[in-house]
Every structure is written in C-alpha cells, then in structure tokens.
Amino acid sequence: MAFKPVYRVGGGLYINLTNACTCECVFCLRSLKSDPFGNELWLSREPDAHEVMAALRGHNAGECGEIVYCGYGEPTLRLQTLLDTAAAIRREYPRVPLRLNTNGHGSLAAGEDITPRLRGLLNIVSVSLNAHDAQTYAAVCKPGGGAAAYGAMLDFARKAKGQGLDVRLSIVRGRADEDKCRAVAEAMGLPLRVRDYLPRNR
C-alpha cells in the first residue's frame, strides 16, 4: 500500500480519502491488483485535511481542470474531512470545479441527510446508479445497507438536487441496462452519464 491522497488523471486531480466502501460491486477496479492510472490507490492510512490540501498544492491544483473526490473507497464515509477540504478548496481555488463521485450511501451511512452540508461546496455530484431496480442493484453492487441501499441512493440524489447541486447519475457501459437506467434518470429529472469501464492488467 502507498499513501497517495491526491493523484492525477488527465487534466484533473483526484482526492483519495479512504479504502472503505459500503459496496462490493462485481465490476469494481478494487478487486484487481493494479490500476489503470499508474497510481497505487490503496491507502496505507487515511489522510487528514491538512495532508490533502498539501498534496493539492504540490500538484498545482489551481492550474488543473477539475478536482474530484474519487478513490478506491466511498468519499462520504470521511464526511468531515470531505467538508473541511471542500471548504478549503473553495477558498484557495474558487475557479476550479469540484466534483464528488459517490455511490450515494453517505446519508444512509451517517443516519441523517448529509446533503445540506454539501451545499455551496461542490459544483457537481455524480451518483453511481449502476442498476434500474433494487433487486438488480443488490446483485451487482452487493451493498452493506441491504435492500434499503437502492432507495437510499436515489433519495440522496434527489435531495442533493434539491440543495441546488448539479447532480447526475452514472452507469458503466455494458454493465447495466442503459434504456431502463435512462428511464429512471428521466423520471428523476436528472441526466444520465454512461461511462466506459477502464480495464486493468492483473
């Protein structure tokens, strides 16, 4: 394991807060031994807010195209560190878009609606939809939250939109029924992003 709280992909900088996740998705890159970006993403320990900000400064974050919360774990499980760093990023790099990639289980894990705390800090929230119904979601994502996880994910996306955040749903191309997932997104009034799966060498 390495300690890399920030890594670069293309023109963006990605913040890696934790190895912990509430899902064990069958297609997740976590199950593979190497990663597609040339970075070791398994953390030897979780970074604090000061370490994240120092790493961003070391990567000249003010010159990047966007900053994204996305590592091998679920960023909202480190909610306070996420909030603290997002506030600092807004102060230091107000022109750089800030995105959260999430499985949408942050409120379920916290036991309360966390979306009001995200308001004014994030520009974009990308929620992994991954399936068109709860049964398929349970089979594909294997959520620790059980049967409640799918509804909780949709509720998170809905409430984040209600906070004025730019919310979109996402699926992995070829890993979900695109037409049915698009219908779910349209019913919620949200765009659907179909992203490519990035294979890796084992």
N, C-alpha and C. Protein backbone atom coordinates (compact mmCIF):
# COMPACT_ATOMS: atom_id res chain seq x y z
N MET A 1 0.83 -1.20 0.00
CA MET A 1 0.00 0.00 0.00
C MET A 1 0.86 1.25 0.00
N ALA A 2 0.32 2.31 -0.55
CA ALA A 2 1.02 3.59 -0.60
C ALA A 2 0.17 4.65 0.10
N PHE A 3 0.74 5.81 0.24
CA PHE A 3 0.00 6.93 0.80
C PHE A 3 -0.07 8.01 -0.27
N LYS A 4 -1.15 8.00 -1.03
CA LYS A 4 -1.31 8.94 -2.13
C LYS A 4 -2.70 9.55 -2.05
N PRO A 5 -2.86 10.61 -1.25
CA PRO A 5 -4.19 11.21 -1.09
C PRO A 5 -4.67 11.98 -2.32
N VAL A 6 -3.76 12.32 -3.22
CA VAL A 6 -4.13 13.03 -4.45
C VAL A 6 -3.40 12.38 -5.61
N TYR A 7 -4.11 12.11 -6.70
CA TYR A 7 -3.48 11.57 -7.90
C TYR A 7 -4.06 12.26 -9.12
N ARG A 8 -3.34 12.19 -10.21
CA ARG A 8 -3.74 12.91 -11.43
C ARG A 8 -4.23 11.94 -12.48
N VAL A 9 -5.32 12.31 -13.13
CA VAL A 9 -5.81 11.60 -14.31
C VAL A 9 -6.14 12.64 -15.36
N GLY A 10 -5.40 12.65 -16.46
CA GLY A 10 -5.60 13.66 -17.48
C GLY A 10 -5.38 15.04 -16.91
N GLY A 11 -6.34 15.93 -17.11
CA GLY A 11 -6.21 17.29 -16.60
C GLY A 11 -6.82 17.50 -15.24
N GLY A 12 -7.28 16.41 -14.60
CA GLY A 12 -7.92 16.54 -13.30
C GLY A 12 -7.10 15.99 -12.17
N LEU A 13 -7.40 16.46 -10.96
CA LEU A 13 -6.79 15.94 -9.74
C LEU A 13 -7.86 15.23 -8.93
N TYR A 14 -7.52 14.04 -8.45
CA TYR A 14 -8.48 13.20 -7.74
C TYR A 14 -8.05 13.03 -6.30
N ILE A 15 -9.01 13.21 -5.39
CA ILE A 15 -8.74 13.12 -3.96
C ILE A 15 -9.17 11.74 -3.46
N ASN A 16 -8.24 11.04 -2.85
CA ASN A 16 -8.43 9.67 -2.38
C ASN A 16 -8.47 9.70 -0.86
N LEU A 17 -9.67 9.59 -0.27
CA LEU A 17 -9.81 9.78 1.17
C LEU A 17 -9.79 8.50 1.99
N THR A 18 -10.19 7.38 1.38
CA THR A 18 -10.36 6.17 2.18
C THR A 18 -10.37 4.92 1.31
N ASN A 19 -10.05 3.78 1.91
CA ASN A 19 -10.24 2.49 1.26
C ASN A 19 -11.62 1.92 1.54
N ALA A 20 -12.32 2.47 2.52
CA ALA A 20 -13.60 1.91 2.96
C ALA A 20 -14.70 2.19 1.95
N CYS A 21 -15.60 1.21 1.80
CA CYS A 21 -16.73 1.39 0.90
C CYS A 21 -17.91 0.60 1.44
N THR A 22 -19.11 1.04 1.10
CA THR A 22 -20.33 0.36 1.53
C THR A 22 -20.80 -0.67 0.51
N CYS A 23 -20.09 -0.81 -0.60
CA CYS A 23 -20.45 -1.76 -1.65
C CYS A 23 -19.28 -2.67 -2.00
N GLU A 24 -19.62 -3.75 -2.67
CA GLU A 24 -18.61 -4.63 -3.26
C GLU A 24 -19.05 -4.93 -4.69
N CYS A 25 -19.07 -3.90 -5.52
CA CYS A 25 -19.58 -4.03 -6.89
C CYS A 25 -18.80 -5.09 -7.66
N VAL A 26 -19.52 -5.88 -8.43
CA VAL A 26 -18.89 -7.01 -9.11
C VAL A 26 -17.88 -6.57 -10.17
N PHE A 27 -18.00 -5.34 -10.66
CA PHE A 27 -17.10 -4.85 -11.70
C PHE A 27 -16.07 -3.87 -11.16
N CYS A 28 -16.00 -3.68 -9.86
CA CYS A 28 -15.15 -2.64 -9.29
C CYS A 28 -13.67 -2.91 -9.51
N LEU A 29 -12.94 -1.86 -9.82
CA LEU A 29 -11.50 -1.96 -10.03
C LEU A 29 -10.75 -2.34 -8.75
N ARG A 30 -11.40 -2.17 -7.61
CA ARG A 30 -10.77 -2.53 -6.34
C ARG A 30 -10.37 -4.00 -6.30
N SER A 31 -11.08 -4.83 -7.05
CA SER A 31 -10.81 -6.27 -7.00
C SER A 31 -9.60 -6.68 -7.82
N LEU A 32 -9.03 -5.74 -8.56
CA LEU A 32 -7.88 -6.04 -9.40
C LEU A 32 -6.60 -5.59 -8.71
N LYS A 33 -5.48 -6.13 -9.14
CA LYS A 33 -4.22 -5.92 -8.43
C LYS A 33 -3.50 -4.63 -8.81
N SER A 34 -3.72 -4.15 -10.03
CA SER A 34 -3.09 -2.91 -10.45
C SER A 34 -4.18 -1.94 -10.83
N ASP A 35 -3.81 -0.72 -11.20
CA ASP A 35 -4.86 0.24 -11.54
C ASP A 35 -4.59 0.89 -12.87
N PRO A 36 -5.61 1.46 -13.48
CA PRO A 36 -5.46 1.96 -14.85
C PRO A 36 -4.75 3.29 -14.98
N PHE A 37 -4.43 3.94 -13.89
CA PHE A 37 -3.89 5.29 -13.96
C PHE A 37 -2.40 5.37 -13.64
N GLY A 38 -1.78 4.25 -13.36
CA GLY A 38 -0.38 4.29 -12.99
C GLY A 38 -0.16 4.78 -11.57
N ASN A 39 -1.19 4.72 -10.76
CA ASN A 39 -1.11 5.15 -9.37
C ASN A 39 -1.56 4.01 -8.46
N GLU A 40 -0.89 3.85 -7.35
CA GLU A 40 -1.32 2.89 -6.33
C GLU A 40 -2.37 3.58 -5.46
N LEU A 41 -3.62 3.11 -5.54
CA LEU A 41 -4.71 3.81 -4.86
C LEU A 41 -5.07 3.24 -3.50
N TRP A 42 -4.56 2.06 -3.17
CA TRP A 42 -4.81 1.55 -1.82
C TRP A 42 -4.00 2.37 -0.83
N LEU A 43 -4.70 2.96 0.13
CA LEU A 43 -4.05 3.84 1.10
C LEU A 43 -3.49 3.05 2.27
N SER A 44 -2.28 3.37 2.68
CA SER A 44 -1.70 2.77 3.87
C SER A 44 -2.34 3.35 5.13
N ARG A 45 -2.88 4.55 5.02
CA ARG A 45 -3.64 5.18 6.10
C ARG A 45 -4.50 6.28 5.49
N GLU A 46 -5.48 6.74 6.23
CA GLU A 46 -6.37 7.77 5.72
C GLU A 46 -5.77 9.16 5.96
N PRO A 47 -5.78 10.02 4.94
CA PRO A 47 -5.20 11.35 5.10
C PRO A 47 -6.13 12.28 5.87
N ASP A 48 -5.53 13.23 6.58
CA ASP A 48 -6.36 14.28 7.19
C ASP A 48 -6.47 15.45 6.22
N ALA A 49 -7.24 16.45 6.59
CA ALA A 49 -7.50 17.57 5.69
C ALA A 49 -6.22 18.33 5.33
N HIS A 50 -5.32 18.48 6.30
CA HIS A 50 -4.08 19.21 6.03
C HIS A 50 -3.22 18.47 5.00
N GLU A 51 -3.20 17.16 5.09
CA GLU A 51 -2.41 16.37 4.14
C GLU A 51 -3.01 16.42 2.74
N VAL A 52 -4.32 16.42 2.65
CA VAL A 52 -4.97 16.53 1.35
C VAL A 52 -4.65 17.87 0.71
N MET A 53 -4.77 18.93 1.47
CA MET A 53 -4.51 20.26 0.92
C MET A 53 -3.05 20.42 0.53
N ALA A 54 -2.14 19.87 1.32
CA ALA A 54 -0.72 19.95 0.97
C ALA A 54 -0.45 19.22 -0.33
N ALA A 55 -1.10 18.07 -0.51
CA ALA A 55 -0.92 17.31 -1.74
C ALA A 55 -1.48 18.06 -2.94
N LEU A 56 -2.62 18.71 -2.77
CA LEU A 56 -3.19 19.51 -3.86
C LEU A 56 -2.26 20.65 -4.26
N ARG A 57 -1.70 21.31 -3.26
CA ARG A 57 -0.77 22.40 -3.57
C ARG A 57 0.46 21.87 -4.30
N GLY A 58 0.90 20.68 -3.91
CA GLY A 58 2.05 20.09 -4.57
C GLY A 58 1.80 19.72 -6.01
N HIS A 59 0.53 19.57 -6.38
CA HIS A 59 0.15 19.26 -7.75
C HIS A 59 -0.31 20.51 -8.52
N ASN A 60 -0.08 21.70 -7.97
CA ASN A 60 -0.51 22.95 -8.62
C ASN A 60 -1.99 22.91 -8.97
N ALA A 61 -2.81 22.67 -7.95
CA ALA A 61 -4.24 22.46 -8.16
C ALA A 61 -4.93 23.63 -8.85
N GLY A 62 -4.42 24.82 -8.67
CA GLY A 62 -5.05 25.98 -9.30
C GLY A 62 -5.00 25.95 -10.81
N GLU A 63 -4.14 25.09 -11.37
CA GLU A 63 -3.99 25.01 -12.82
C GLU A 63 -4.70 23.80 -13.43
N CYS A 64 -5.36 22.99 -12.61
CA CYS A 64 -6.00 21.78 -13.14
C CYS A 64 -7.40 22.08 -13.64
N GLY A 65 -7.94 21.16 -14.42
CA GLY A 65 -9.26 21.35 -15.00
C GLY A 65 -10.39 21.14 -14.02
N GLU A 66 -10.22 20.23 -13.08
CA GLU A 66 -11.21 19.99 -12.04
C GLU A 66 -10.56 19.19 -10.92
N ILE A 67 -11.22 19.23 -9.77
CA ILE A 67 -10.80 18.43 -8.63
C ILE A 67 -11.97 17.50 -8.29
N VAL A 68 -11.65 16.21 -8.11
CA VAL A 68 -12.69 15.20 -7.95
C VAL A 68 -12.43 14.35 -6.70
N TYR A 69 -13.45 14.19 -5.88
CA TYR A 69 -13.37 13.22 -4.78
C TYR A 69 -13.68 11.85 -5.35
N CYS A 70 -12.66 11.01 -5.48
CA CYS A 70 -12.85 9.68 -6.06
C CYS A 70 -11.58 8.86 -5.84
N GLY A 71 -11.70 7.81 -5.04
CA GLY A 71 -10.57 6.91 -4.84
C GLY A 71 -11.06 5.48 -4.88
N TYR A 72 -10.43 4.61 -4.10
CA TYR A 72 -10.89 3.23 -4.06
C TYR A 72 -12.01 3.03 -3.04
N GLY A 73 -12.31 4.05 -2.26
CA GLY A 73 -13.37 3.96 -1.27
C GLY A 73 -14.45 5.00 -1.53
N GLU A 74 -15.43 5.05 -0.65
CA GLU A 74 -16.54 5.99 -0.76
C GLU A 74 -16.20 7.27 0.01
N PRO A 75 -16.04 8.41 -0.69
CA PRO A 75 -15.57 9.65 -0.04
C PRO A 75 -16.45 10.13 1.11
N THR A 76 -17.78 9.92 1.02
CA THR A 76 -18.65 10.45 2.07
C THR A 76 -18.52 9.70 3.38
N LEU A 77 -17.82 8.58 3.39
CA LEU A 77 -17.54 7.90 4.66
C LEU A 77 -16.51 8.66 5.48
N ARG A 78 -15.81 9.60 4.85
CA ARG A 78 -14.91 10.54 5.54
C ARG A 78 -15.54 11.92 5.45
N LEU A 79 -16.78 12.03 5.89
CA LEU A 79 -17.57 13.24 5.64
C LEU A 79 -16.91 14.51 6.14
N GLN A 80 -16.43 14.51 7.39
CA GLN A 80 -15.88 15.75 7.92
C GLN A 80 -14.62 16.18 7.17
N THR A 81 -13.78 15.22 6.80
CA THR A 81 -12.59 15.55 6.02
C THR A 81 -12.99 16.06 4.65
N LEU A 82 -14.02 15.46 4.06
CA LEU A 82 -14.52 15.94 2.78
C LEU A 82 -15.01 17.39 2.90
N LEU A 83 -15.79 17.67 3.93
CA LEU A 83 -16.33 19.02 4.11
C LEU A 83 -15.22 20.03 4.37
N ASP A 84 -14.26 19.66 5.21
CA ASP A 84 -13.17 20.58 5.55
C ASP A 84 -12.32 20.90 4.33
N THR A 85 -12.00 19.87 3.55
CA THR A 85 -11.16 20.11 2.37
C THR A 85 -11.94 20.83 1.28
N ALA A 86 -13.22 20.51 1.13
CA ALA A 86 -14.02 21.22 0.12
C ALA A 86 -14.10 22.71 0.43
N ALA A 87 -14.27 23.05 1.70
CA ALA A 87 -14.30 24.46 2.08
C ALA A 87 -12.96 25.13 1.80
N ALA A 88 -11.87 24.44 2.09
CA ALA A 88 -10.54 25.00 1.82
C ALA A 88 -10.30 25.15 0.33
N ILE A 89 -10.75 24.17 -0.45
CA ILE A 89 -10.59 24.25 -1.91
C ILE A 89 -11.37 25.43 -2.47
N ARG A 90 -12.57 25.64 -1.97
CA ARG A 90 -13.38 26.77 -2.44
C ARG A 90 -12.67 28.10 -2.15
N ARG A 91 -11.97 28.16 -1.01
CA ARG A 91 -11.25 29.39 -0.67
C ARG A 91 -10.01 29.56 -1.54
N GLU A 92 -9.23 28.50 -1.71
CA GLU A 92 -7.94 28.60 -2.39
C GLU A 92 -8.05 28.53 -3.92
N TYR A 93 -9.01 27.74 -4.39
CA TYR A 93 -9.13 27.51 -5.83
C TYR A 93 -10.58 27.72 -6.28
N PRO A 94 -11.12 28.92 -6.10
CA PRO A 94 -12.55 29.14 -6.36
C PRO A 94 -12.96 28.94 -7.81
N ARG A 95 -12.02 28.99 -8.73
CA ARG A 95 -12.37 28.84 -10.14
C ARG A 95 -12.29 27.40 -10.64
N VAL A 96 -11.78 26.51 -9.81
CA VAL A 96 -11.64 25.11 -10.23
C VAL A 96 -12.91 24.34 -9.85
N PRO A 97 -13.57 23.70 -10.81
CA PRO A 97 -14.78 22.92 -10.49
C PRO A 97 -14.45 21.78 -9.54
N LEU A 98 -15.37 21.53 -8.61
CA LEU A 98 -15.17 20.50 -7.59
C LEU A 98 -16.31 19.48 -7.71
N ARG A 99 -15.95 18.22 -7.94
CA ARG A 99 -16.93 17.17 -8.17
C ARG A 99 -16.79 16.06 -7.13
N LEU A 100 -17.92 15.51 -6.73
CA LEU A 100 -17.94 14.33 -5.86
C LEU A 100 -18.47 13.15 -6.66
N ASN A 101 -17.67 12.10 -6.75
CA ASN A 101 -18.14 10.82 -7.28
C ASN A 101 -18.52 9.95 -6.09
N THR A 102 -19.76 9.51 -6.04
CA THR A 102 -20.26 8.82 -4.85
C THR A 102 -21.21 7.69 -5.20
N ASN A 103 -21.30 6.71 -4.32
CA ASN A 103 -22.31 5.68 -4.51
C ASN A 103 -23.65 6.09 -3.91
N GLY A 104 -23.70 7.28 -3.33
CA GLY A 104 -24.97 7.80 -2.82
C GLY A 104 -25.40 7.24 -1.48
N HIS A 105 -24.50 6.59 -0.76
CA HIS A 105 -24.85 5.99 0.53
C HIS A 105 -24.44 6.85 1.71
N GLY A 106 -24.00 8.07 1.46
CA GLY A 106 -23.49 8.90 2.55
C GLY A 106 -24.51 9.16 3.64
N SER A 107 -25.74 9.46 3.25
CA SER A 107 -26.79 9.72 4.25
C SER A 107 -27.18 8.44 4.98
N LEU A 108 -27.24 7.34 4.24
CA LEU A 108 -27.57 6.05 4.84
C LEU A 108 -26.52 5.68 5.89
N ALA A 109 -25.25 5.88 5.57
CA ALA A 109 -24.17 5.55 6.50
C ALA A 109 -24.16 6.48 7.71
N ALA A 110 -24.49 7.76 7.48
CA ALA A 110 -24.46 8.74 8.57
C ALA A 110 -25.71 8.68 9.45
N GLY A 111 -26.77 8.08 8.93
CA GLY A 111 -28.01 8.04 9.69
C GLY A 111 -28.78 9.33 9.65
N GLU A 112 -28.42 10.22 8.73
CA GLU A 112 -29.11 11.50 8.57
C GLU A 112 -28.82 12.05 7.18
N ASP A 113 -29.63 12.99 6.74
CA ASP A 113 -29.46 13.61 5.44
C ASP A 113 -28.23 14.52 5.46
N ILE A 114 -27.22 14.17 4.70
CA ILE A 114 -25.99 14.97 4.68
C ILE A 114 -25.99 16.01 3.56
N THR A 115 -26.99 15.98 2.68
CA THR A 115 -26.93 16.86 1.51
C THR A 115 -26.93 18.36 1.85
N PRO A 116 -27.60 18.82 2.91
CA PRO A 116 -27.50 20.25 3.22
C PRO A 116 -26.07 20.70 3.52
N ARG A 117 -25.24 19.78 4.01
CA ARG A 117 -23.87 20.13 4.36
C ARG A 117 -22.97 20.23 3.12
N LEU A 118 -23.45 19.68 2.01
CA LEU A 118 -22.68 19.73 0.76
C LEU A 118 -22.97 21.01 -0.04
N ARG A 119 -24.07 21.65 0.28
CA ARG A 119 -24.50 22.82 -0.47
C ARG A 119 -23.46 23.95 -0.38
N GLY A 120 -23.17 24.53 -1.52
CA GLY A 120 -22.22 25.64 -1.57
C GLY A 120 -20.77 25.23 -1.63
N LEU A 121 -20.51 23.93 -1.49
CA LEU A 121 -19.13 23.45 -1.52
C LEU A 121 -18.79 22.75 -2.83
N LEU A 122 -19.72 21.95 -3.33
CA LEU A 122 -19.48 21.16 -4.53
C LEU A 122 -20.16 21.78 -5.74
N ASN A 123 -19.54 21.61 -6.90
CA ASN A 123 -20.17 22.03 -8.14
C ASN A 123 -21.01 20.91 -8.74
N ILE A 124 -20.47 19.69 -8.69
CA ILE A 124 -21.12 18.55 -9.34
C ILE A 124 -21.12 17.37 -8.39
N VAL A 125 -22.23 16.64 -8.38
CA VAL A 125 -22.31 15.38 -7.64
C VAL A 125 -22.71 14.30 -8.64
N SER A 126 -21.84 13.33 -8.83
CA SER A 126 -22.10 12.22 -9.73
C SER A 126 -22.40 10.98 -8.91
N VAL A 127 -23.62 10.48 -9.03
CA VAL A 127 -24.07 9.35 -8.22
C VAL A 127 -24.10 8.09 -9.08
N SER A 128 -23.46 7.04 -8.62
CA SER A 128 -23.43 5.78 -9.37
C SER A 128 -24.77 5.06 -9.24
N LEU A 129 -25.53 5.06 -10.32
CA LEU A 129 -26.84 4.41 -10.33
C LEU A 129 -26.66 2.89 -10.43
N ASN A 130 -25.94 2.47 -11.44
CA ASN A 130 -25.49 1.07 -11.60
C ASN A 130 -26.58 0.05 -11.91
N ALA A 131 -27.84 0.36 -11.67
CA ALA A 131 -28.90 -0.60 -11.95
C ALA A 131 -30.24 0.12 -12.01
N HIS A 132 -31.22 -0.52 -12.64
CA HIS A 132 -32.53 0.11 -12.84
C HIS A 132 -33.54 -0.24 -11.76
N ASP A 133 -33.21 -1.20 -10.90
CA ASP A 133 -34.12 -1.52 -9.80
C ASP A 133 -33.33 -2.08 -8.62
N ALA A 134 -34.03 -2.20 -7.50
CA ALA A 134 -33.36 -2.59 -6.25
C ALA A 134 -32.80 -4.00 -6.30
N GLN A 135 -33.53 -4.90 -6.93
CA GLN A 135 -33.07 -6.29 -6.98
C GLN A 135 -31.78 -6.42 -7.78
N THR A 136 -31.74 -5.77 -8.95
CA THR A 136 -30.54 -5.81 -9.78
C THR A 136 -29.38 -5.11 -9.07
N TYR A 137 -29.69 -4.00 -8.43
CA TYR A 137 -28.67 -3.25 -7.70
C TYR A 137 -28.04 -4.11 -6.61
N ALA A 138 -28.86 -4.84 -5.87
CA ALA A 138 -28.34 -5.69 -4.80
C ALA A 138 -27.40 -6.76 -5.35
N ALA A 139 -27.75 -7.30 -6.52
CA ALA A 139 -26.93 -8.35 -7.11
C ALA A 139 -25.62 -7.80 -7.67
N VAL A 140 -25.66 -6.60 -8.22
CA VAL A 140 -24.49 -6.01 -8.88
C VAL A 140 -23.57 -5.31 -7.89
N CYS A 141 -24.16 -4.57 -6.95
CA CYS A 141 -23.36 -3.72 -6.06
C CYS A 141 -23.10 -4.34 -4.70
N LYS A 142 -23.88 -5.34 -4.32
CA LYS A 142 -23.71 -6.02 -3.04
C LYS A 142 -23.54 -5.02 -1.89
N PRO A 143 -24.51 -4.12 -1.71
CA PRO A 143 -24.38 -3.07 -0.69
C PRO A 143 -24.50 -3.59 0.72
N GLY A 144 -23.70 -3.03 1.60
CA GLY A 144 -23.79 -3.39 3.01
C GLY A 144 -25.10 -2.95 3.63
N GLY A 145 -25.74 -1.96 3.04
CA GLY A 145 -27.00 -1.46 3.56
C GLY A 145 -28.19 -2.33 3.20
N GLY A 146 -27.96 -3.40 2.47
CA GLY A 146 -29.02 -4.33 2.13
C GLY A 146 -30.07 -3.74 1.21
N ALA A 147 -31.30 -4.17 1.39
CA ALA A 147 -32.39 -3.80 0.49
C ALA A 147 -32.67 -2.30 0.49
N ALA A 148 -32.32 -1.63 1.57
CA ALA A 148 -32.59 -0.19 1.67
C ALA A 148 -31.63 0.66 0.85
N ALA A 149 -30.53 0.06 0.40
CA ALA A 149 -29.46 0.85 -0.20
C ALA A 149 -29.86 1.52 -1.51
N TYR A 150 -30.62 0.83 -2.36
CA TYR A 150 -31.00 1.39 -3.65
C TYR A 150 -31.88 2.62 -3.47
N GLY A 151 -32.90 2.50 -2.64
CA GLY A 151 -33.77 3.64 -2.36
C GLY A 151 -33.03 4.79 -1.70
N ALA A 152 -32.09 4.45 -0.82
CA ALA A 152 -31.30 5.48 -0.15
C ALA A 152 -30.43 6.23 -1.14
N MET A 153 -29.89 5.51 -2.12
CA MET A 153 -29.06 6.14 -3.15
C MET A 153 -29.89 7.11 -3.99
N LEU A 154 -31.09 6.68 -4.40
CA LEU A 154 -31.97 7.55 -5.18
C LEU A 154 -32.40 8.77 -4.36
N ASP A 155 -32.69 8.54 -3.09
CA ASP A 155 -33.11 9.64 -2.22
C ASP A 155 -31.98 10.65 -2.04
N PHE A 156 -30.75 10.15 -1.91
CA PHE A 156 -29.60 11.04 -1.81
C PHE A 156 -29.50 11.92 -3.05
N ALA A 157 -29.62 11.31 -4.23
CA ALA A 157 -29.53 12.07 -5.48
C ALA A 157 -30.64 13.12 -5.56
N ARG A 158 -31.84 12.72 -5.17
CA ARG A 158 -32.98 13.62 -5.22
C ARG A 158 -32.79 14.81 -4.27
N LYS A 159 -32.33 14.53 -3.07
CA LYS A 159 -32.14 15.60 -2.08
C LYS A 159 -30.95 16.48 -2.42
N ALA A 160 -29.91 15.90 -3.01
CA ALA A 160 -28.78 16.72 -3.44
C ALA A 160 -29.21 17.70 -4.52
N LYS A 161 -30.05 17.23 -5.43
CA LYS A 161 -30.61 18.13 -6.44
C LYS A 161 -31.42 19.24 -5.78
N GLY A 162 -32.19 18.87 -4.75
CA GLY A 162 -32.98 19.86 -4.03
C GLY A 162 -32.14 20.91 -3.33
N GLN A 163 -30.88 20.60 -3.06
CA GLN A 163 -29.96 21.57 -2.46
C GLN A 163 -29.33 22.49 -3.51
N GLY A 164 -29.73 22.33 -4.75
CA GLY A 164 -29.19 23.19 -5.81
C GLY A 164 -27.89 22.70 -6.40
N LEU A 165 -27.50 21.45 -6.08
CA LEU A 165 -26.28 20.90 -6.63
C LEU A 165 -26.54 20.35 -8.03
N ASP A 166 -25.50 20.38 -8.86
CA ASP A 166 -25.58 19.83 -10.21
C ASP A 166 -25.38 18.32 -10.10
N VAL A 167 -26.48 17.58 -10.12
CA VAL A 167 -26.45 16.14 -9.87
C VAL A 167 -26.67 15.39 -11.18
N ARG A 168 -25.88 14.35 -11.38
CA ARG A 168 -26.12 13.44 -12.49
C ARG A 168 -25.94 12.01 -12.00
N LEU A 169 -26.64 11.09 -12.66
CA LEU A 169 -26.49 9.67 -12.37
C LEU A 169 -25.53 9.07 -13.37
N SER A 170 -24.89 7.97 -13.00
CA SER A 170 -23.95 7.34 -13.92
C SER A 170 -24.09 5.82 -13.89
N ILE A 171 -23.78 5.21 -15.02
CA ILE A 171 -23.67 3.75 -15.12
C ILE A 171 -22.42 3.44 -15.93
N VAL A 172 -21.97 2.20 -15.82
CA VAL A 172 -20.82 1.75 -16.59
C VAL A 172 -21.34 1.08 -17.86
N ARG A 173 -20.80 1.50 -18.99
CA ARG A 173 -21.25 0.96 -20.26
C ARG A 173 -21.12 -0.58 -20.28
N GLY A 174 -22.21 -1.23 -20.67
CA GLY A 174 -22.20 -2.67 -20.76
C GLY A 174 -22.42 -3.40 -19.45
N ARG A 175 -22.53 -2.66 -18.35
CA ARG A 175 -22.71 -3.28 -17.04
C ARG A 175 -24.10 -3.03 -16.46
N ALA A 176 -24.96 -2.34 -17.21
CA ALA A 176 -26.32 -2.05 -16.75
C ALA A 176 -27.20 -1.90 -17.97
N ASP A 177 -28.51 -2.02 -17.78
CA ASP A 177 -29.48 -1.82 -18.86
C ASP A 177 -29.62 -0.32 -19.10
N GLU A 178 -28.99 0.16 -20.16
CA GLU A 178 -28.93 1.60 -20.38
C GLU A 178 -30.31 2.21 -20.56
N ASP A 179 -31.18 1.59 -21.31
CA ASP A 179 -32.51 2.15 -21.56
C ASP A 179 -33.32 2.26 -20.27
N LYS A 180 -33.28 1.21 -19.45
CA LYS A 180 -34.05 1.22 -18.21
C LYS A 180 -33.45 2.21 -17.21
N CYS A 181 -32.14 2.32 -17.18
CA CYS A 181 -31.50 3.29 -16.28
C CYS A 181 -31.78 4.72 -16.74
N ARG A 182 -31.83 4.92 -18.03
CA ARG A 182 -32.14 6.25 -18.54
C ARG A 182 -33.56 6.65 -18.16
N ALA A 183 -34.46 5.67 -18.16
CA ALA A 183 -35.84 5.94 -17.75
C ALA A 183 -35.90 6.35 -16.28
N VAL A 184 -35.09 5.69 -15.43
CA VAL A 184 -35.01 6.07 -14.02
C VAL A 184 -34.52 7.50 -13.88
N ALA A 185 -33.46 7.83 -14.60
CA ALA A 185 -32.89 9.17 -14.53
C ALA A 185 -33.88 10.22 -15.02
N GLU A 186 -34.56 9.93 -16.12
CA GLU A 186 -35.52 10.89 -16.66
C GLU A 186 -36.68 11.11 -15.70
N ALA A 187 -37.12 10.05 -15.03
CA ALA A 187 -38.20 10.19 -14.06
C ALA A 187 -37.80 11.08 -12.89
N MET A 188 -36.51 11.13 -12.59
CA MET A 188 -36.00 11.97 -11.51
C MET A 188 -35.59 13.35 -11.99
N GLY A 189 -35.65 13.56 -13.30
CA GLY A 189 -35.24 14.84 -13.85
C GLY A 189 -33.75 15.06 -13.81
N LEU A 190 -32.98 13.95 -13.92
CA LEU A 190 -31.53 14.03 -13.85
C LEU A 190 -30.91 13.47 -15.13
N PRO A 191 -29.77 14.00 -15.54
CA PRO A 191 -29.07 13.43 -16.69
C PRO A 191 -28.39 12.13 -16.33
N LEU A 192 -28.21 11.27 -17.32
CA LEU A 192 -27.51 10.00 -17.12
C LEU A 192 -26.22 10.02 -17.91
N ARG A 193 -25.13 9.73 -17.23
CA ARG A 193 -23.83 9.62 -17.89
C ARG A 193 -23.47 8.14 -18.02
N VAL A 194 -23.19 7.71 -19.23
CA VAL A 194 -22.76 6.34 -19.48
C VAL A 194 -21.24 6.38 -19.65
N ARG A 195 -20.53 5.85 -18.68
CA ARG A 195 -19.08 5.94 -18.70
C ARG A 195 -18.45 4.61 -19.09
N ASP A 196 -17.30 4.69 -19.69
CA ASP A 196 -16.59 3.49 -20.12
C ASP A 196 -15.94 2.81 -18.93
N TYR A 197 -15.94 1.50 -18.96
CA TYR A 197 -15.22 0.73 -17.96
C TYR A 197 -13.74 0.71 -18.37
N LEU A 198 -12.88 0.94 -17.40
CA LEU A 198 -11.45 1.01 -17.68
C LEU A 198 -10.80 -0.29 -17.25
N PRO A 199 -10.54 -1.21 -18.17
CA PRO A 199 -9.93 -2.49 -17.79
C PRO A 199 -8.51 -2.29 -17.33
N ARG A 200 -8.03 -3.20 -16.50
CA ARG A 200 -6.67 -3.11 -15.99
C ARG A 200 -5.99 -4.45 -16.12
N ASN A 201 -4.69 -4.43 -16.20
CA ASN A 201 -3.92 -5.68 -16.16
C ASN A 201 -3.86 -6.19 -14.72
N ARG A 202 -3.98 -7.49 -14.59
CA ARG A 202 -3.89 -8.06 -13.23
C ARG A 202 -2.44 -8.15 -12.78
